[in-house]
Amino acid sequence: MSQTYDCEKEAEIQEYTSFPVNEFYDFYMKKILDLCTENNITPRVIMIPMSPNIQCSMDYIADCYIYLVSLQEYCPQMTYFYRPEGFDYNDFSDYWHMNLNGATKYTAKIKEAFPEDFD
């Protein structure tokens, strides 16, 4: 049985209004992309699903998109997949961590988005 958290207790809304990228984060993202390029691996950047009580403003989404585009300009073979939809409280063990139900559902969505990686 998958662990879930009490949605009544955890229902407080958390809003994210910006997606700041610091030098440290950017440096290591580019190192990962370089390593993928050196090893002929197509990097896939996939945003994690969030619990239903997490809300992202349009500014957050725009900031995230701008950063992903800049990464794709840096590494043209990189692909990205914005946060998949269809997850609810029953898919999480807390705000950020999925339980077995959620992980299984998320894996299926990744396989659907990138079937060529699972041949």
PDB file of N, CA and C in Angstrom:
ATOM      1  N   MET A   1       0.846  -1.185   0.000  1.00  0.00           N
ATOM      2  CA  MET A   1       0.000   0.000   0.000  1.00  0.00           C
ATOM      3  C   MET A   1       0.888   1.244   0.000  1.00  0.00           C
ATOM      4  N   SER A   2       0.607   2.193  -0.872  1.00  0.00           N
ATOM      5  CA  SER A   2       1.390   3.415  -0.973  1.00  0.00           C
ATOM      6  C   SER A   2       1.045   4.378   0.155  1.00  0.00           C
ATOM      7  N   GLN A   3       2.078   5.037   0.626  1.00  0.00           N
ATOM      8  CA  GLN A   3       1.875   6.044   1.657  1.00  0.00           C
ATOM      9  C   GLN A   3       1.352   7.324   1.022  1.00  0.00           C
ATOM     10  N   THR A   4       0.371   7.949   1.641  1.00  0.00           N
ATOM     11  CA  THR A   4      -0.112   9.253   1.206  1.00  0.00           C
ATOM     12  C   THR A   4      -0.144  10.174   2.409  1.00  0.00           C
ATOM     13  N   TYR A   5      -0.235  11.450   2.170  1.00  0.00           N
ATOM     14  CA  TYR A   5      -0.331  12.353   3.302  1.00  0.00           C
ATOM     15  C   TYR A   5      -1.733  12.901   3.410  1.00  0.00           C
ATOM     16  N   ASP A   6      -2.066  13.372   4.574  1.00  0.00           N
ATOM     17  CA  ASP A   6      -3.403  13.851   4.874  1.00  0.00           C
ATOM     18  C   ASP A   6      -3.641  15.177   4.162  1.00  0.00           C
ATOM     19  N   CYS A   7      -4.433  15.149   3.096  1.00  0.00           N
ATOM     20  CA  CYS A   7      -4.626  16.358   2.297  1.00  0.00           C
ATOM     21  C   CYS A   7      -5.350  17.447   3.076  1.00  0.00           C
ATOM     22  N   GLU A   8      -6.149  17.098   4.061  1.00  0.00           N
ATOM     23  CA  GLU A   8      -6.794  18.126   4.874  1.00  0.00           C
ATOM     24  C   GLU A   8      -5.752  18.873   5.691  1.00  0.00           C
ATOM     25  N   LYS A   9      -4.822  18.122   6.256  1.00  0.00           N
ATOM     26  CA  LYS A   9      -3.768  18.717   7.071  1.00  0.00           C
ATOM     27  C   LYS A   9      -2.768  19.479   6.210  1.00  0.00           C
ATOM     28  N   GLU A  10      -2.500  19.000   5.020  1.00  0.00           N
ATOM     29  CA  GLU A  10      -1.457  19.550   4.164  1.00  0.00           C
ATOM     30  C   GLU A  10      -2.003  20.479   3.081  1.00  0.00           C
ATOM     31  N   ALA A  11      -3.230  20.942   3.222  1.00  0.00           N
ATOM     32  CA  ALA A  11      -3.877  21.667   2.137  1.00  0.00           C
ATOM     33  C   ALA A  11      -3.410  23.114   1.965  1.00  0.00           C
ATOM     34  N   GLU A  12      -2.532  23.602   2.822  1.00  0.00           N
ATOM     35  CA  GLU A  12      -2.060  24.976   2.679  1.00  0.00           C
ATOM     36  C   GLU A  12      -1.408  25.174   1.306  1.00  0.00           C
ATOM     37  N   ILE A  13      -1.830  26.212   0.610  1.00  0.00           N
ATOM     38  CA  ILE A  13      -1.311  26.497  -0.728  1.00  0.00           C
ATOM     39  C   ILE A  13       0.077  27.123  -0.621  1.00  0.00           C
ATOM     40  N   GLN A  14       0.985  26.631  -1.427  1.00  0.00           N
ATOM     41  CA  GLN A  14       2.316  27.216  -1.547  1.00  0.00           C
ATOM     42  C   GLN A  14       2.453  27.722  -2.968  1.00  0.00           C
ATOM     43  N   GLU A  15       2.776  28.996  -3.110  1.00  0.00           N
ATOM     44  CA  GLU A  15       2.893  29.573  -4.445  1.00  0.00           C
ATOM     45  C   GLU A  15       4.345  29.936  -4.742  1.00  0.00           C
ATOM     46  N   TYR A  16       4.767  29.574  -5.931  1.00  0.00           N
ATOM     47  CA  TYR A  16       6.092  29.930  -6.413  1.00  0.00           C
ATOM     48  C   TYR A  16       5.919  31.010  -7.478  1.00  0.00           C
ATOM     49  N   THR A  17       6.609  32.131  -7.280  1.00  0.00           N
ATOM     50  CA  THR A  17       6.402  33.274  -8.156  1.00  0.00           C
ATOM     51  C   THR A  17       7.574  33.548  -9.089  1.00  0.00           C
ATOM     52  N   SER A  18       8.705  32.898  -8.860  1.00  0.00           N
ATOM     53  CA  SER A  18       9.846  33.073  -9.763  1.00  0.00           C
ATOM     54  C   SER A  18      10.685  31.800  -9.746  1.00  0.00           C
ATOM     55  N   PHE A  19      11.489  31.643 -10.770  1.00  0.00           N
ATOM     56  CA  PHE A  19      12.378  30.486 -10.911  1.00  0.00           C
ATOM     57  C   PHE A  19      13.803  31.035 -11.011  1.00  0.00           C
ATOM     58  N   PRO A  20      14.396  31.378  -9.859  1.00  0.00           N
ATOM     59  CA  PRO A  20      15.740  31.954  -9.914  1.00  0.00           C
ATOM     60  C   PRO A  20      16.783  30.891 -10.238  1.00  0.00           C
ATOM     61  N   VAL A  21      17.726  31.242 -11.073  1.00  0.00           N
ATOM     62  CA  VAL A  21      18.815  30.322 -11.424  1.00  0.00           C
ATOM     63  C   VAL A  21      20.109  30.974 -10.966  1.00  0.00           C
ATOM     64  N   ASN A  22      20.743  30.368  -9.974  1.00  0.00           N
ATOM     65  CA  ASN A  22      22.004  30.936  -9.520  1.00  0.00           C
ATOM     66  C   ASN A  22      23.174  30.334 -10.308  1.00  0.00           C
ATOM     67  N   GLU A  23      24.341  30.912 -10.159  1.00  0.00           N
ATOM     68  CA  GLU A  23      25.522  30.469 -10.918  1.00  0.00           C
ATOM     69  C   GLU A  23      25.869  29.011 -10.646  1.00  0.00           C
ATOM     70  N   PHE A  24      25.757  28.605  -9.407  1.00  0.00           N
ATOM     71  CA  PHE A  24      26.069  27.229  -9.013  1.00  0.00           C
ATOM     72  C   PHE A  24      25.173  26.241  -9.766  1.00  0.00           C
ATOM     73  N   TYR A  25      23.881  26.513  -9.748  1.00  0.00           N
ATOM     74  CA  TYR A  25      22.901  25.655 -10.430  1.00  0.00           C
ATOM     75  C   TYR A  25      23.203  25.596 -11.929  1.00  0.00           C
ATOM     76  N   ASP A  26      23.400  26.755 -12.529  1.00  0.00           N
ATOM     77  CA  ASP A  26      23.661  26.819 -13.962  1.00  0.00           C
ATOM     78  C   ASP A  26      24.969  26.105 -14.332  1.00  0.00           C
ATOM     79  N   PHE A  27      25.992  26.310 -13.538  1.00  0.00           N
ATOM     80  CA  PHE A  27      27.289  25.674 -13.784  1.00  0.00           C
ATOM     81  C   PHE A  27      27.151  24.157 -13.842  1.00  0.00           C
ATOM     82  N   TYR A  28      26.465  23.581 -12.852  1.00  0.00           N
ATOM     83  CA  TYR A  28      26.347  22.126 -12.815  1.00  0.00           C
ATOM     84  C   TYR A  28      25.355  21.581 -13.834  1.00  0.00           C
ATOM     85  N   MET A  29      24.333  22.332 -14.159  1.00  0.00           N
ATOM     86  CA  MET A  29      23.446  21.883 -15.244  1.00  0.00           C
ATOM     87  C   MET A  29      24.240  21.777 -16.546  1.00  0.00           C
ATOM     88  N   LYS A  30      25.083  22.762 -16.816  1.00  0.00           N
ATOM     89  CA  LYS A  30      25.888  22.734 -18.042  1.00  0.00           C
ATOM     90  C   LYS A  30      26.949  21.641 -17.997  1.00  0.00           C
ATOM     91  N   LYS A  31      27.485  21.355 -16.836  1.00  0.00           N
ATOM     92  CA  LYS A  31      28.438  20.245 -16.714  1.00  0.00           C
ATOM     93  C   LYS A  31      27.751  18.915 -17.046  1.00  0.00           C
ATOM     94  N   ILE A  32      26.536  18.754 -16.567  1.00  0.00           N
ATOM     95  CA  ILE A  32      25.770  17.535 -16.869  1.00  0.00           C
ATOM     96  C   ILE A  32      25.503  17.449 -18.372  1.00  0.00           C
ATOM     97  N   LEU A  33      25.108  18.558 -18.975  1.00  0.00           N
ATOM     98  CA  LEU A  33      24.855  18.566 -20.420  1.00  0.00           C
ATOM     99  C   LEU A  33      26.126  18.265 -21.203  1.00  0.00           C
ATOM    100  N   ASP A  34      27.255  18.814 -20.767  1.00  0.00           N
ATOM    101  CA  ASP A  34      28.546  18.519 -21.415  1.00  0.00           C
ATOM    102  C   ASP A  34      28.871  17.036 -21.319  1.00  0.00           C
ATOM    103  N   LEU A  35      28.667  16.463 -20.156  1.00  0.00           N
ATOM    104  CA  LEU A  35      28.945  15.039 -19.959  1.00  0.00           C
ATOM    105  C   LEU A  35      28.060  14.187 -20.868  1.00  0.00           C
ATOM    106  N   CYS A  36      26.795  14.569 -20.993  1.00  0.00           N
ATOM    107  CA  CYS A  36      25.897  13.841 -21.897  1.00  0.00           C
ATOM    108  C   CYS A  36      26.389  13.940 -23.339  1.00  0.00           C
ATOM    109  N   THR A  37      26.774  15.142 -23.757  1.00  0.00           N
ATOM    110  CA  THR A  37      27.265  15.350 -25.122  1.00  0.00           C
ATOM    111  C   THR A  37      28.509  14.516 -25.380  1.00  0.00           C
ATOM    112  N   GLU A  38      29.437  14.534 -24.446  1.00  0.00           N
ATOM    113  CA  GLU A  38      30.682  13.761 -24.592  1.00  0.00           C
ATOM    114  C   GLU A  38      30.422  12.263 -24.720  1.00  0.00           C
ATOM    115  N   ASN A  39      29.329  11.795 -24.137  1.00  0.00           N
ATOM    116  CA  ASN A  39      29.016  10.369 -24.146  1.00  0.00           C
ATOM    117  C   ASN A  39      27.860  10.008 -25.077  1.00  0.00           C
ATOM    118  N   ASN A  40      27.530  10.941 -25.981  1.00  0.00           N
ATOM    119  CA  ASN A  40      26.490  10.708 -26.975  1.00  0.00           C
ATOM    120  C   ASN A  40      25.153  10.290 -26.345  1.00  0.00           C
ATOM    121  N   ILE A  41      24.785  11.001 -25.286  1.00  0.00           N
ATOM    122  CA  ILE A  41      23.522  10.767 -24.585  1.00  0.00           C
ATOM    123  C   ILE A  41      22.622  11.976 -24.815  1.00  0.00           C
ATOM    124  N   THR A  42      21.384  11.727 -25.179  1.00  0.00           N
ATOM    125  CA  THR A  42      20.428  12.818 -25.337  1.00  0.00           C
ATOM    126  C   THR A  42      19.893  13.194 -23.963  1.00  0.00           C
ATOM    127  N   PRO A  43      20.226  14.399 -23.491  1.00  0.00           N
ATOM    128  CA  PRO A  43      19.713  14.800 -22.173  1.00  0.00           C
ATOM    129  C   PRO A  43      18.222  15.098 -22.225  1.00  0.00           C
ATOM    130  N   ARG A  44      17.520  14.664 -21.205  1.00  0.00           N
ATOM    131  CA  ARG A  44      16.086  14.917 -21.064  1.00  0.00           C
ATOM    132  C   ARG A  44      15.879  15.684 -19.766  1.00  0.00           C
ATOM    133  N   VAL A  45      15.372  16.875 -19.858  1.00  0.00           N
ATOM    134  CA  VAL A  45      15.051  17.645 -18.668  1.00  0.00           C
ATOM    135  C   VAL A  45      13.543  17.557 -18.490  1.00  0.00           C
ATOM    136  N   ILE A  46      13.137  16.996 -17.375  1.00  0.00           N
ATOM    137  CA  ILE A  46      11.713  16.762 -17.127  1.00  0.00           C
ATOM    138  C   ILE A  46      11.354  17.390 -15.782  1.00  0.00           C
ATOM    139  N   MET A  47      10.421  18.287 -15.803  1.00  0.00           N
ATOM    140  CA  MET A  47       9.977  18.928 -14.568  1.00  0.00           C
ATOM    141  C   MET A  47       9.191  17.920 -13.737  1.00  0.00           C
ATOM    142  N   ILE A  48       9.414  17.960 -12.456  1.00  0.00           N
ATOM    143  CA  ILE A  48       8.729  17.016 -11.575  1.00  0.00           C
ATOM    144  C   ILE A  48       7.279  17.436 -11.360  1.00  0.00           C
ATOM    145  N   PRO A  49       6.399  16.467 -11.195  1.00  0.00           N
ATOM    146  CA  PRO A  49       5.029  16.810 -10.811  1.00  0.00           C
ATOM    147  C   PRO A  49       5.053  17.390  -9.393  1.00  0.00           C
ATOM    148  N   MET A  50       4.109  18.218  -9.103  1.00  0.00           N
ATOM    149  CA  MET A  50       4.001  18.789  -7.762  1.00  0.00           C
ATOM    150  C   MET A  50       2.641  18.465  -7.177  1.00  0.00           C
ATOM    151  N   SER A  51       2.616  18.422  -5.879  1.00  0.00           N
ATOM    152  CA  SER A  51       1.365  18.212  -5.159  1.00  0.00           C
ATOM    153  C   SER A  51       0.348  19.277  -5.574  1.00  0.00           C
ATOM    154  N   PRO A  52      -0.942  18.953  -5.559  1.00  0.00           N
ATOM    155  CA  PRO A  52      -1.963  19.916  -5.995  1.00  0.00           C
ATOM    156  C   PRO A  52      -1.973  21.235  -5.225  1.00  0.00           C
ATOM    157  N   ASN A  53      -1.413  21.272  -4.035  1.00  0.00           N
ATOM    158  CA  ASN A  53      -1.412  22.521  -3.272  1.00  0.00           C
ATOM    159  C   ASN A  53      -0.228  23.422  -3.622  1.00  0.00           C
ATOM    160  N   ILE A  54       0.607  23.022  -4.573  1.00  0.00           N
ATOM    161  CA  ILE A  54       1.703  23.847  -5.055  1.00  0.00           C
ATOM    162  C   ILE A  54       1.208  24.578  -6.296  1.00  0.00           C
ATOM    163  N   GLN A  55       1.313  25.888  -6.292  1.00  0.00           N
ATOM    164  CA  GLN A  55       0.888  26.675  -7.443  1.00  0.00           C
ATOM    165  C   GLN A  55       2.076  27.478  -7.967  1.00  0.00           C
ATOM    166  N   CYS A  56       2.215  27.494  -9.274  1.00  0.00           N
ATOM    167  CA  CYS A  56       3.295  28.244  -9.916  1.00  0.00           C
ATOM    168  C   CYS A  56       2.681  29.391 -10.714  1.00  0.00           C
ATOM    169  N   SER A  57       3.175  30.586 -10.446  1.00  0.00           N
ATOM    170  CA  SER A  57       2.654  31.757 -11.153  1.00  0.00           C
ATOM    171  C   SER A  57       3.097  31.729 -12.614  1.00  0.00           C
ATOM    172  N   MET A  58       2.486  32.588 -13.410  1.00  0.00           N
ATOM    173  CA  MET A  58       2.886  32.702 -14.813  1.00  0.00           C
ATOM    174  C   MET A  58       4.327  33.198 -14.914  1.00  0.00           C
ATOM    175  N   ASP A  59       4.763  34.033 -13.979  1.00  0.00           N
ATOM    176  CA  ASP A  59       6.157  34.483 -13.969  1.00  0.00           C
ATOM    177  C   ASP A  59       7.105  33.310 -13.726  1.00  0.00           C
ATOM    178  N   TYR A  60       6.738  32.424 -12.815  1.00  0.00           N
ATOM    179  CA  TYR A  60       7.547  31.231 -12.547  1.00  0.00           C
ATOM    180  C   TYR A  60       7.659  30.384 -13.821  1.00  0.00           C
ATOM    181  N   ILE A  61       6.537  30.149 -14.445  1.00  0.00           N
ATOM    182  CA  ILE A  61       6.517  29.326 -15.659  1.00  0.00           C
ATOM    183  C   ILE A  61       7.348  29.980 -16.766  1.00  0.00           C
ATOM    184  N   ALA A  62       7.207  31.294 -16.924  1.00  0.00           N
ATOM    185  CA  ALA A  62       7.988  32.011 -17.944  1.00  0.00           C
ATOM    186  C   ALA A  62       9.486  31.940 -17.629  1.00  0.00           C
ATOM    187  N   ASP A  63       9.865  32.155 -16.365  1.00  0.00           N
ATOM    188  CA  ASP A  63      11.277  32.062 -15.966  1.00  0.00           C
ATOM    189  C   ASP A  63      11.841  30.675 -16.258  1.00  0.00           C
ATOM    190  N   CYS A  64      11.073  29.679 -15.922  1.00  0.00           N
ATOM    191  CA  CYS A  64      11.493  28.293 -16.147  1.00  0.00           C
ATOM    192  C   CYS A  64      11.679  28.034 -17.640  1.00  0.00           C
ATOM    193  N   TYR A  65      10.716  28.452 -18.435  1.00  0.00           N
ATOM    194  CA  TYR A  65      10.767  28.250 -19.883  1.00  0.00           C
ATOM    195  C   TYR A  65      11.983  28.965 -20.489  1.00  0.00           C
ATOM    196  N   ILE A  66      12.224  30.203 -20.068  1.00  0.00           N
ATOM    197  CA  ILE A  66      13.374  30.961 -20.577  1.00  0.00           C
ATOM    198  C   ILE A  66      14.672  30.234 -20.253  1.00  0.00           C
ATOM    199  N   TYR A  67      14.766  29.694 -19.047  1.00  0.00           N
ATOM    200  CA  TYR A  67      15.983  28.967 -18.680  1.00  0.00           C
ATOM    201  C   TYR A  67      16.129  27.677 -19.493  1.00  0.00           C
ATOM    202  N   LEU A  68      15.028  26.959 -19.676  1.00  0.00           N
ATOM    203  CA  LEU A  68      15.095  25.732 -20.475  1.00  0.00           C
ATOM    204  C   LEU A  68      15.499  26.026 -21.922  1.00  0.00           C
ATOM    205  N   VAL A  69      14.993  27.103 -22.487  1.00  0.00           N
ATOM    206  CA  VAL A  69      15.377  27.496 -23.845  1.00  0.00           C
ATOM    207  C   VAL A  69      16.869  27.824 -23.892  1.00  0.00           C
ATOM    208  N   SER A  70      17.377  28.520 -22.872  1.00  0.00           N
ATOM    209  CA  SER A  70      18.809  28.833 -22.853  1.00  0.00           C
ATOM    210  C   SER A  70      19.648  27.562 -22.756  1.00  0.00           C
ATOM    211  N   LEU A  71      19.173  26.584 -22.001  1.00  0.00           N
ATOM    212  CA  LEU A  71      19.900  25.304 -21.931  1.00  0.00           C
ATOM    213  C   LEU A  71      19.864  24.584 -23.274  1.00  0.00           C
ATOM    214  N   GLN A  72      18.735  24.675 -23.958  1.00  0.00           N
ATOM    215  CA  GLN A  72      18.638  24.022 -25.260  1.00  0.00           C
ATOM    216  C   GLN A  72      19.516  24.727 -26.293  1.00  0.00           C
ATOM    217  N   GLU A  73      19.690  26.022 -26.166  1.00  0.00           N
ATOM    218  CA  GLU A  73      20.625  26.735 -27.045  1.00  0.00           C
ATOM    219  C   GLU A  73      22.062  26.304 -26.750  1.00  0.00           C
ATOM    220  N   TYR A  74      22.363  26.059 -25.486  1.00  0.00           N
ATOM    221  CA  TYR A  74      23.686  25.600 -25.078  1.00  0.00           C
ATOM    222  C   TYR A  74      23.924  24.155 -25.554  1.00  0.00           C
ATOM    223  N   CYS A  75      22.892  23.346 -25.486  1.00  0.00           N
ATOM    224  CA  CYS A  75      22.986  21.923 -25.838  1.00  0.00           C
ATOM    225  C   CYS A  75      21.793  21.565 -26.723  1.00  0.00           C
ATOM    226  N   PRO A  76      21.909  21.781 -28.040  1.00  0.00           N
ATOM    227  CA  PRO A  76      20.760  21.624 -28.942  1.00  0.00           C
ATOM    228  C   PRO A  76      20.095  20.242 -28.932  1.00  0.00           C
ATOM    229  N   GLN A  77      20.833  19.189 -28.573  1.00  0.00           N
ATOM    230  CA  GLN A  77      20.202  17.859 -28.570  1.00  0.00           C
ATOM    231  C   GLN A  77      19.350  17.623 -27.316  1.00  0.00           C
ATOM    232  N   MET A  78      19.428  18.533 -26.343  1.00  0.00           N
ATOM    233  CA  MET A  78      18.619  18.404 -25.134  1.00  0.00           C
ATOM    234  C   MET A  78      17.142  18.589 -25.466  1.00  0.00           C
ATOM    235  N   THR A  79      16.311  17.821 -24.811  1.00  0.00           N
ATOM    236  CA  THR A  79      14.871  18.009 -24.923  1.00  0.00           C
ATOM    237  C   THR A  79      14.319  18.252 -23.526  1.00  0.00           C
ATOM    238  N   TYR A  80      13.184  18.914 -23.462  1.00  0.00           N
ATOM    239  CA  TYR A  80      12.559  19.130 -22.168  1.00  0.00           C
ATOM    240  C   TYR A  80      11.073  18.851 -22.260  1.00  0.00           C
ATOM    241  N   PHE A  81      10.542  18.500 -21.127  1.00  0.00           N
ATOM    242  CA  PHE A  81       9.141  18.115 -21.009  1.00  0.00           C
ATOM    243  C   PHE A  81       8.615  18.824 -19.776  1.00  0.00           C
ATOM    244  N   TYR A  82       7.676  19.745 -19.973  1.00  0.00           N
ATOM    245  CA  TYR A  82       7.166  20.480 -18.829  1.00  0.00           C
ATOM    246  C   TYR A  82       6.337  19.555 -17.945  1.00  0.00           C
ATOM    247  N   ARG A  83       6.113  19.978 -16.775  1.00  0.00           N
ATOM    248  CA  ARG A  83       5.458  19.186 -15.729  1.00  0.00           C
ATOM    249  C   ARG A  83       4.221  18.453 -16.242  1.00  0.00           C
ATOM    250  N   PRO A  84       4.229  17.135 -16.149  1.00  0.00           N
ATOM    251  CA  PRO A  84       3.044  16.375 -16.558  1.00  0.00           C
ATOM    252  C   PRO A  84       1.869  16.629 -15.607  1.00  0.00           C
ATOM    253  N   GLU A  85       0.683  16.562 -16.144  1.00  0.00           N
ATOM    254  CA  GLU A  85      -0.543  16.808 -15.376  1.00  0.00           C
ATOM    255  C   GLU A  85      -1.159  15.491 -14.925  1.00  0.00           C
ATOM    256  N   GLY A  86      -2.168  15.601 -14.081  1.00  0.00           N
ATOM    257  CA  GLY A  86      -2.956  14.434 -13.703  1.00  0.00           C
ATOM    258  C   GLY A  86      -2.558  13.795 -12.387  1.00  0.00           C
ATOM    259  N   PHE A  87      -1.864  14.520 -11.538  1.00  0.00           N
ATOM    260  CA  PHE A  87      -1.457  13.974 -10.242  1.00  0.00           C
ATOM    261  C   PHE A  87      -2.284  14.627  -9.145  1.00  0.00           C
ATOM    262  N   ASP A  88      -2.642  13.833  -8.128  1.00  0.00           N
ATOM    263  CA  ASP A  88      -3.404  14.387  -7.011  1.00  0.00           C
ATOM    264  C   ASP A  88      -2.751  13.975  -5.691  1.00  0.00           C
ATOM    265  N   TYR A  89      -3.373  14.332  -4.597  1.00  0.00           N
ATOM    266  CA  TYR A  89      -2.796  14.062  -3.276  1.00  0.00           C
ATOM    267  C   TYR A  89      -2.465  12.585  -3.071  1.00  0.00           C
ATOM    268  N   ASN A  90      -3.240  11.705  -3.669  1.00  0.00           N
ATOM    269  CA  ASN A  90      -3.016  10.270  -3.492  1.00  0.00           C
ATOM    270  C   ASN A  90      -1.731   9.780  -4.140  1.00  0.00           C
ATOM    271  N   ASP A  91      -1.071  10.634  -4.918  1.00  0.00           N
ATOM    272  CA  ASP A  91       0.167  10.259  -5.595  1.00  0.00           C
ATOM    273  C   ASP A  91       1.418  10.710  -4.838  1.00  0.00           C
ATOM    274  N   PHE A  92       1.237  11.367  -3.695  1.00  0.00           N
ATOM    275  CA  PHE A  92       2.363  11.940  -2.960  1.00  0.00           C
ATOM    276  C   PHE A  92       2.419  11.435  -1.525  1.00  0.00           C
ATOM    277  N   SER A  93       3.646  11.300  -1.019  1.00  0.00           N
ATOM    278  CA  SER A  93       3.812  10.992   0.399  1.00  0.00           C
ATOM    279  C   SER A  93       4.032  12.281   1.192  1.00  0.00           C
ATOM    280  N   ASP A  94       4.412  13.362   0.516  1.00  0.00           N
ATOM    281  CA  ASP A  94       4.474  14.707   1.086  1.00  0.00           C
ATOM    282  C   ASP A  94       4.450  15.689  -0.076  1.00  0.00           C
ATOM    283  N   TYR A  95       4.720  16.978   0.177  1.00  0.00           N
ATOM    284  CA  TYR A  95       4.642  17.983  -0.891  1.00  0.00           C
ATOM    285  C   TYR A  95       5.445  17.619  -2.137  1.00  0.00           C
ATOM    286  N   TRP A  96       6.630  17.084  -1.945  1.00  0.00           N
ATOM    287  CA  TRP A  96       7.579  16.924  -3.042  1.00  0.00           C
ATOM    288  C   TRP A  96       7.881  15.485  -3.425  1.00  0.00           C
ATOM    289  N   HIS A  97       7.517  14.530  -2.608  1.00  0.00           N
ATOM    290  CA  HIS A  97       7.919  13.142  -2.858  1.00  0.00           C
ATOM    291  C   HIS A  97       6.717  12.284  -3.197  1.00  0.00           C
ATOM    292  N   MET A  98       6.842  11.590  -4.312  1.00  0.00           N
ATOM    293  CA  MET A  98       5.767  10.715  -4.746  1.00  0.00           C
ATOM    294  C   MET A  98       5.824   9.399  -3.984  1.00  0.00           C
ATOM    295  N   ASN A  99       4.690   8.786  -3.859  1.00  0.00           N
ATOM    296  CA  ASN A  99       4.630   7.438  -3.312  1.00  0.00           C
ATOM    297  C   ASN A  99       4.661   6.457  -4.489  1.00  0.00           C
ATOM    298  N   LEU A 100       4.447   5.193  -4.222  1.00  0.00           N
ATOM    299  CA  LEU A 100       4.506   4.187  -5.289  1.00  0.00           C
ATOM    300  C   LEU A 100       3.482   4.461  -6.394  1.00  0.00           C
ATOM    301  N   ASN A 101       2.267   4.855  -6.020  1.00  0.00           N
ATOM    302  CA  ASN A 101       1.247   5.190  -7.032  1.00  0.00           C
ATOM    303  C   ASN A 101       1.751   6.288  -7.963  1.00  0.00           C
ATOM    304  N   GLY A 102       2.229   7.375  -7.358  1.00  0.00           N
ATOM    305  CA  GLY A 102       2.699   8.510  -8.142  1.00  0.00           C
ATOM    306  C   GLY A 102       3.902   8.176  -8.998  1.00  0.00           C
ATOM    307  N   ALA A 103       4.854   7.442  -8.428  1.00  0.00           N
ATOM    308  CA  ALA A 103       6.056   7.074  -9.178  1.00  0.00           C
ATOM    309  C   ALA A 103       5.704   6.199 -10.375  1.00  0.00           C
ATOM    310  N   THR A 104       4.781   5.296 -10.196  1.00  0.00           N
ATOM    311  CA  THR A 104       4.353   4.427 -11.300  1.00  0.00           C
ATOM    312  C   THR A 104       3.674   5.246 -12.397  1.00  0.00           C
ATOM    313  N   LYS A 105       2.814   6.167 -11.994  1.00  0.00           N
ATOM    314  CA  LYS A 105       2.115   7.026 -12.955  1.00  0.00           C
ATOM    315  C   LYS A 105       3.106   7.938 -13.691  1.00  0.00           C
ATOM    316  N   TYR A 106       4.055   8.495 -12.938  1.00  0.00           N
ATOM    317  CA  TYR A 106       5.059   9.392 -13.524  1.00  0.00           C
ATOM    318  C   TYR A 106       5.942   8.649 -14.519  1.00  0.00           C
ATOM    319  N   THR A 107       6.358   7.456 -14.173  1.00  0.00           N
ATOM    320  CA  THR A 107       7.175   6.644 -15.079  1.00  0.00           C
ATOM    321  C   THR A 107       6.426   6.372 -16.381  1.00  0.00           C
ATOM    322  N   ALA A 108       5.145   6.067 -16.279  1.00  0.00           N
ATOM    323  CA  ALA A 108       4.342   5.811 -17.481  1.00  0.00           C
ATOM    324  C   ALA A 108       4.283   7.060 -18.368  1.00  0.00           C
ATOM    325  N   LYS A 109       4.188   8.242 -17.756  1.00  0.00           N
ATOM    326  CA  LYS A 109       4.144   9.480 -18.539  1.00  0.00           C
ATOM    327  C   LYS A 109       5.478   9.759 -19.219  1.00  0.00           C
ATOM    328  N   ILE A 110       6.573   9.449 -18.549  1.00  0.00           N
ATOM    329  CA  ILE A 110       7.894   9.617 -19.159  1.00  0.00           C
ATOM    330  C   ILE A 110       8.055   8.648 -20.329  1.00  0.00           C
ATOM    331  N   LYS A 111       7.633   7.410 -20.142  1.00  0.00           N
ATOM    332  CA  LYS A 111       7.699   6.428 -21.230  1.00  0.00           C
ATOM    333  C   LYS A 111       6.846   6.863 -22.422  1.00  0.00           C
ATOM    334  N   GLU A 112       5.718   7.468 -22.136  1.00  0.00           N
ATOM    335  CA  GLU A 112       4.835   7.947 -23.212  1.00  0.00           C
ATOM    336  C   GLU A 112       5.477   9.129 -23.945  1.00  0.00           C
ATOM    337  N   ALA A 113       6.152  10.006 -23.216  1.00  0.00           N
ATOM    338  CA  ALA A 113       6.779  11.184 -23.831  1.00  0.00           C
ATOM    339  C   ALA A 113       8.016  10.825 -24.641  1.00  0.00           C
ATOM    340  N   PHE A 114       8.753   9.798 -24.192  1.00  0.00           N
ATOM    341  CA  PHE A 114      10.027   9.437 -24.844  1.00  0.00           C
ATOM    342  C   PHE A 114      10.084   7.918 -25.104  1.00  0.00           C
ATOM    343  N   PRO A 115       9.199   7.400 -25.932  1.00  0.00           N
ATOM    344  CA  PRO A 115       9.150   5.941 -26.127  1.00  0.00           C
ATOM    345  C   PRO A 115      10.460   5.384 -26.715  1.00  0.00           C
ATOM    346  N   GLU A 116      11.179   6.200 -27.493  1.00  0.00           N
ATOM    347  CA  GLU A 116      12.414   5.719 -28.115  1.00  0.00           C
ATOM    348  C   GLU A 116      13.499   5.395 -27.089  1.00  0.00           C
ATOM    349  N   ASP A 117      13.368   5.921 -25.879  1.00  0.00           N
ATOM    350  CA  ASP A 117      14.355   5.646 -24.830  1.00  0.00           C
ATOM    351  C   ASP A 117      14.079   4.329 -24.127  1.00  0.00           C
ATOM    352  N   PHE A 118      12.972   3.691 -24.453  1.00  0.00           N
ATOM    353  CA  PHE A 118      12.582   2.465 -23.737  1.00  0.00           C
ATOM    354  C   PHE A 118      12.440   1.265 -24.664  1.00  0.00           C
ATOM    355  N   ASP A 119      13.104   1.330 -25.826  1.00  0.00           N
ATOM    356  CA  ASP A 119      13.054   0.195 -26.754  1.00  0.00           C
ATOM    357  C   ASP A 119      13.886  -0.963 -26.253  1.00  0.00           C
TER     358      ASP A 119
END
